[in-house]
Amino acid sequence: PRPGIRRDGRWLLGTGTAAASFQAGAAPSTATATAHPDGGFTVRIAAADIGTGARTALTLVAADALGVAPERVRVRIGDSAFGPAMIAGGSMGTRSWSWAVKLAAEELRERLALGADIPADGITVRSDTTAAIGALAAAERHSFGAQFAEVAVDVTTGEVRVRRMLGIFAAGRIINPLTARNQFLGGMTWGISMALHEEALRDRASGGLVGADLAGYHVATHADVPRIEADWIEDPSPGDPVGIKGIGEIGIVGAAAAVANAVWHATGARHRDLPISPRRVLMAGAPDA
């Protein structure tokens, strides 16, 4: 239906969609994989798990490459003595680290297949992805997504509520569905916060930020977050032995745009500035109540 005609009492209803794209790069990293006489394995890489589940993902990557159960693999991270590795950021961390871990684990598996005895201090193999990444053909590599939102807009107060949101993503091979889904949901949650609540304001007299802490800077709370769903299609990255792409940012990319398009569908008014606050909604106008 055309904008501004769907109603639920004093609420105008609208739906919107937006496309999402975020670069899916990889940076050189090093890793070691060690086989121990007791049948266990230790993987070392100077990675950082900042709550994204990287440690779990790297354990699964190593176990798959070694052909063993994840319970037999211990992953140690967060130590610069392990050699250079990509930082956590830019949707590049887990992809970069997994590449190095897989190469080390596969080479170790080949060594063990030769049947050599494992000494007391183990057998260690080191990988470095610098040459492999440098040899990749120059090309744009991205994760993609499509996001859909349904909103309700109060014609009397200008309040916008997101009722439902769905994101579908093509982000390479998903290593851990549980943590991946949570990252997608988290990104969309912050996209709602960006669309409707967050605003950086400066005091004209002092130049300082007015909302410099969470007491004054409005972010989405549980009451602001609707039913959010995320799903994906397998889209392995060519040229990458693991086939994964970064998912840290793709969840937020299209979320605010989907909400803004839904507000337009509900009210017939376009919003080019964020957040879409009640004041801005009322100033933009809406169909007669």
Protein backbone atom coordinates (compact mmCIF):
# COMPACT_ATOMS: atom_id res chain seq x y z
CA PRO A 1 0.00 0.00 0.00
CA ARG A 2 1.03 3.61 -0.48
CA PRO A 3 2.55 5.53 2.44
CA GLY A 4 0.42 6.82 5.29
CA ILE A 5 -2.70 4.65 5.01
CA ARG A 6 -2.11 1.67 7.33
CA ARG A 7 -3.37 2.35 10.84
CA ASP A 8 -3.80 0.67 14.19
CA GLY A 9 -5.72 3.18 16.27
CA ARG A 10 -3.54 6.24 16.70
CA TRP A 11 -0.54 4.39 15.27
CA LEU A 12 0.52 4.60 11.65
CA LEU A 13 2.13 1.40 10.39
CA GLY A 14 4.88 1.00 7.83
CA THR A 15 7.41 -1.48 6.52
CA GLY A 16 10.83 -0.81 5.07
CA THR A 17 13.85 -2.61 3.73
CA ALA A 18 17.48 -1.80 3.07
CA ALA A 19 20.50 -3.50 1.57
CA ALA A 20 23.74 -3.96 3.48
CA SER A 21 27.33 -4.42 2.39
CA PHE A 22 30.58 -4.39 4.36
CA GLN A 23 34.12 -5.17 3.26
CA ALA A 24 35.36 -8.68 4.05
CA GLY A 25 39.11 -8.39 4.15
CA ALA A 26 41.87 -10.37 5.78
CA ALA A 27 45.24 -9.31 7.16
CA PRO A 28 48.44 -11.36 7.55
CA SER A 29 48.65 -13.37 10.76
CA THR A 30 50.80 -16.10 12.27
CA ALA A 31 49.81 -19.09 14.37
CA THR A 32 51.31 -22.24 15.83
CA ALA A 33 49.75 -25.66 16.34
CA THR A 34 51.30 -28.18 18.74
CA ALA A 35 50.56 -31.89 19.12
CA HIS A 36 51.15 -33.33 22.61
CA PRO A 37 51.95 -36.94 23.58
CA ASP A 38 48.67 -37.23 25.49
CA GLY A 39 46.67 -36.73 22.29
CA GLY A 40 45.81 -33.11 22.93
CA PHE A 41 46.58 -30.08 20.80
CA THR A 42 47.40 -26.46 21.57
CA VAL A 43 46.90 -23.60 19.12
CA ARG A 44 48.54 -20.27 19.84
CA ILE A 45 47.73 -17.01 18.10
CA ALA A 46 47.87 -13.38 19.21
CA ALA A 47 44.15 -12.92 18.68
CA ALA A 48 41.70 -11.08 20.92
CA ASP A 49 38.22 -12.21 21.91
CA ILE A 50 36.27 -9.06 22.78
CA GLY A 51 33.01 -10.93 23.23
CA THR A 52 32.53 -12.11 19.66
CA GLY A 53 33.20 -15.79 20.36
CA ALA A 54 36.50 -15.82 18.50
CA ARG A 55 38.05 -18.35 20.87
CA THR A 56 35.22 -20.80 20.20
CA ALA A 57 35.36 -20.24 16.45
CA LEU A 58 39.12 -20.80 16.34
CA THR A 59 38.73 -23.99 18.35
CA LEU A 60 36.23 -25.30 15.82
CA VAL A 61 38.42 -24.31 12.87
CA ALA A 62 41.46 -26.03 14.39
CA ALA A 63 39.53 -29.18 15.29
CA ASP A 64 38.10 -29.43 11.79
CA ALA A 65 41.53 -29.01 10.19
CA LEU A 66 43.10 -31.56 12.54
CA GLY A 67 40.24 -34.02 12.18
CA VAL A 68 39.70 -34.31 15.94
CA ALA A 69 36.99 -33.45 18.45
CA PRO A 70 36.99 -29.83 19.68
CA GLU A 71 37.48 -31.12 23.24
CA ARG A 72 41.02 -32.14 22.33
CA VAL A 73 42.00 -28.63 21.21
CA ARG A 74 43.06 -25.81 23.51
CA VAL A 75 43.31 -22.35 21.96
CA ARG A 76 45.53 -19.77 23.62
CA ILE A 77 45.16 -16.14 22.56
CA GLY A 78 45.97 -12.64 23.72
CA ASP A 79 49.76 -12.87 23.95
CA SER A 80 52.02 -10.85 21.66
CA ALA A 81 54.75 -13.45 22.18
CA PHE A 82 52.76 -15.71 19.85
CA GLY A 83 53.77 -13.60 16.87
CA PRO A 84 52.07 -10.92 14.77
CA ALA A 85 48.35 -11.23 14.09
CA MET A 86 45.43 -9.09 13.02
CA ILE A 87 43.70 -6.98 15.68
CA ALA A 88 40.03 -7.46 16.57
CA GLY A 89 38.21 -5.00 14.35
CA GLY A 90 36.97 -4.11 10.91
CA SER A 91 35.18 -7.46 10.51
CA MET A 92 38.61 -8.93 9.78
CA GLY A 93 39.74 -10.55 13.02
CA THR A 94 38.25 -14.03 12.98
CA ARG A 95 38.73 -14.43 9.23
CA SER A 96 42.42 -13.48 9.46
CA TRP A 97 43.09 -15.67 12.51
CA SER A 98 41.16 -18.66 11.16
CA TRP A 99 43.22 -18.63 7.99
CA ALA A 100 46.47 -18.87 9.96
CA VAL A 101 45.09 -21.46 12.38
CA LYS A 102 43.82 -23.69 9.57
CA LEU A 103 47.16 -23.63 7.73
CA ALA A 104 49.11 -24.52 10.87
CA ALA A 105 46.68 -27.27 11.86
CA GLU A 106 46.64 -28.82 8.40
CA GLU A 107 50.42 -28.90 8.18
CA LEU A 108 50.61 -30.45 11.64
CA ARG A 109 48.08 -33.11 10.61
CA GLU A 110 50.25 -33.95 7.59
CA ARG A 111 53.32 -34.26 9.82
CA LEU A 112 51.49 -36.58 12.19
CA ALA A 113 50.27 -38.71 9.29
CA LEU A 114 53.89 -39.67 8.61
CA GLY A 115 53.80 -41.68 11.83
CA ALA A 116 56.59 -39.97 13.75
CA ASP A 117 56.66 -40.34 17.54
CA ILE A 118 55.64 -37.25 19.48
CA PRO A 119 58.39 -36.10 21.89
CA ALA A 120 57.66 -34.89 25.40
CA ASP A 121 57.68 -31.24 24.31
CA GLY A 122 55.37 -31.99 21.38
CA ILE A 123 55.53 -31.28 17.68
CA THR A 124 54.92 -27.66 16.69
CA VAL A 125 54.14 -26.18 13.29
CA ARG A 126 54.05 -22.45 12.55
CA SER A 127 52.05 -20.73 9.82
CA ASP A 128 52.28 -17.27 8.29
CA THR A 129 49.61 -16.06 5.88
CA THR A 130 51.52 -13.02 4.63
CA ALA A 131 52.44 -14.57 1.27
CA ALA A 132 49.05 -16.23 0.72
CA ILE A 133 47.10 -13.04 1.36
CA GLY A 134 49.53 -11.02 -0.72
CA ALA A 135 49.00 -13.40 -3.64
CA LEU A 136 45.22 -12.88 -3.72
CA ALA A 137 43.95 -11.21 -6.86
CA ALA A 138 43.02 -7.57 -6.38
CA ALA A 139 39.25 -7.55 -5.92
CA GLU A 140 36.50 -6.18 -3.72
CA ARG A 141 35.34 -8.72 -1.16
CA HIS A 142 32.19 -8.04 0.83
CA SER A 143 29.61 -9.52 3.14
CA PHE A 144 26.04 -8.71 2.12
CA GLY A 145 22.67 -8.47 3.77
CA ALA A 146 19.04 -7.42 3.40
CA GLN A 147 17.16 -6.02 6.37
CA PHE A 148 13.45 -5.55 6.89
CA ALA A 149 11.64 -3.53 9.56
CA GLU A 150 8.05 -2.89 10.61
CA VAL A 151 7.36 0.25 12.63
CA ALA A 152 4.46 1.97 14.31
CA VAL A 153 4.38 5.78 14.56
CA ASP A 154 2.19 7.55 17.12
CA VAL A 155 0.45 10.42 15.31
CA THR A 156 -0.07 12.35 18.56
CA THR A 157 3.41 12.14 20.10
CA GLY A 158 5.67 11.29 17.16
CA GLU A 159 7.03 8.23 18.95
CA VAL A 160 8.42 5.51 16.68
CA ARG A 161 8.39 1.89 17.78
CA VAL A 162 10.01 -0.92 15.84
CA ARG A 163 7.67 -3.90 16.01
CA ARG A 164 9.66 -6.46 14.05
CA MET A 165 13.00 -6.73 12.28
CA LEU A 166 14.52 -9.41 10.09
CA GLY A 167 18.01 -9.65 8.64
CA ILE A 168 19.20 -12.11 6.00
CA PHE A 169 22.94 -12.24 5.40
CA ALA A 170 25.47 -13.72 3.00
CA ALA A 171 28.60 -13.73 5.13
CA GLY A 172 30.68 -16.64 3.98
CA ARG A 173 30.87 -19.92 5.84
CA ILE A 174 29.34 -19.66 9.30
CA ILE A 175 31.63 -21.41 11.78
CA ASN A 176 29.48 -21.18 14.92
CA PRO A 177 25.76 -20.58 14.25
CA LEU A 178 24.99 -19.61 17.86
CA THR A 179 27.59 -16.86 18.20
CA ALA A 180 27.06 -15.72 14.61
CA ARG A 181 23.33 -15.26 15.14
CA ASN A 182 24.00 -13.30 18.32
CA GLN A 183 26.38 -10.99 16.46
CA PHE A 184 23.80 -10.36 13.75
CA LEU A 185 21.11 -9.66 16.37
CA GLY A 186 23.44 -7.39 18.30
CA GLY A 187 24.27 -5.39 15.19
CA MET A 188 20.61 -4.90 14.35
CA THR A 189 19.85 -3.89 17.94
CA TRP A 190 22.46 -1.14 17.76
CA GLY A 191 21.05 -0.17 14.36
CA ILE A 192 17.68 0.45 16.01
CA SER A 193 19.44 2.45 18.69
CA MET A 194 21.22 4.49 16.02
CA ALA A 195 17.99 5.10 14.10
CA LEU A 196 15.79 6.19 16.98
CA HIS A 197 17.82 7.19 20.02
CA GLU A 198 21.50 8.02 19.74
CA GLU A 199 22.62 11.59 19.10
CA ALA A 200 25.89 13.37 19.75
CA LEU A 201 25.19 16.95 20.89
CA ARG A 202 27.72 19.58 21.86
CA ASP A 203 27.34 22.38 24.35
CA ARG A 204 27.76 25.55 22.27
CA ALA A 205 29.29 27.38 25.20
CA SER A 206 31.89 24.81 26.26
CA GLY A 207 32.26 22.67 23.15
CA GLY A 208 31.89 19.57 25.28
CA LEU A 209 29.53 16.69 24.62
CA VAL A 210 26.18 17.06 26.37
CA GLY A 211 25.62 13.32 26.65
CA ALA A 212 29.12 12.24 27.59
CA ASP A 213 27.99 9.19 29.56
CA LEU A 214 25.13 6.71 29.63
CA ALA A 215 23.21 8.95 32.01
CA GLY A 216 22.77 11.50 29.24
CA TYR A 217 23.39 9.56 26.04
CA HIS A 218 20.25 7.68 25.06
CA VAL A 219 20.73 4.12 23.83
CA ALA A 220 18.18 1.40 23.20
CA THR A 221 17.04 -0.60 26.22
CA HIS A 222 15.24 -3.94 26.40
CA ALA A 223 11.89 -2.16 26.08
CA ASP A 224 13.00 -0.62 22.77
CA VAL A 225 14.09 -3.89 21.17
CA PRO A 226 11.37 -5.83 19.34
CA ARG A 227 11.33 -9.34 18.01
CA ILE A 228 14.46 -9.56 15.87
CA GLU A 229 15.30 -12.50 13.66
CA ALA A 230 18.46 -13.28 11.72
CA ASP A 231 19.29 -15.93 9.18
CA TRP A 232 21.89 -16.45 6.49
CA ILE A 233 22.84 -18.27 3.33
CA GLU A 234 26.17 -20.03 2.89
CA ASP A 235 28.40 -17.86 0.72
CA PRO A 236 31.99 -19.15 1.05
CA SER A 237 34.67 -16.61 0.27
CA PRO A 238 36.73 -17.75 -2.75
CA GLY A 239 40.48 -17.84 -2.25
CA ASP A 240 40.12 -18.25 1.51
CA PRO A 241 40.82 -21.81 2.76
CA VAL A 242 38.31 -21.39 5.59
CA GLY A 243 35.71 -19.65 3.42
CA ILE A 244 34.52 -17.23 6.10
CA LYS A 245 33.80 -13.52 5.96
CA GLY A 246 33.59 -11.00 8.76
CA ILE A 247 30.21 -10.53 10.44
CA GLY A 248 31.00 -7.96 13.13
CA GLU A 249 29.62 -4.92 11.31
CA ILE A 250 27.24 -6.21 8.65
CA GLY A 251 24.33 -6.51 11.11
CA ILE A 252 24.20 -2.76 11.77
CA VAL A 253 24.81 -1.50 8.24
CA GLY A 254 21.29 -1.59 6.84
CA ALA A 255 19.29 -1.53 10.06
CA ALA A 256 18.83 2.23 10.47
CA ALA A 257 18.02 2.64 6.78
CA ALA A 258 15.35 -0.07 7.00
CA VAL A 259 13.78 1.71 9.98
CA ALA A 260 13.89 5.08 8.19
CA ASN A 261 12.24 3.58 5.11
CA ALA A 262 9.56 2.04 7.32
CA VAL A 263 8.89 5.43 8.94
CA TRP A 264 8.50 6.93 5.46
CA HIS A 265 6.06 4.18 4.54
CA ALA A 266 4.09 4.87 7.71
CA THR A 267 4.01 8.67 7.48
CA GLY A 268 4.93 9.65 3.94
CA ALA A 269 7.76 11.83 5.30
CA ARG A 270 11.43 11.19 4.55
CA HIS A 271 14.02 11.53 7.31
CA ARG A 272 17.60 12.25 6.28
CA ASP A 273 18.94 12.91 9.78
CA LEU A 274 19.26 10.58 12.75
CA PRO A 275 17.90 9.91 15.25
CA ILE A 276 14.30 9.90 14.06
CA SER A 277 13.09 11.50 17.27
CA PRO A 278 9.47 12.33 18.15
CA ARG A 279 10.25 16.02 17.61
CA ARG A 280 11.54 15.39 14.10
CA VAL A 281 8.58 13.16 13.28
CA LEU A 282 6.09 15.84 14.36
CA MET A 283 7.99 18.57 12.52
CA ALA A 284 8.03 16.49 9.34
CA GLY A 285 4.27 16.07 9.50
CA ALA A 286 2.07 13.03 9.09
CA PRO A 287 -1.34 12.19 7.68
CA ASP A 288 -4.16 13.72 9.68
CA ALA A 289 -4.98 11.82 12.84
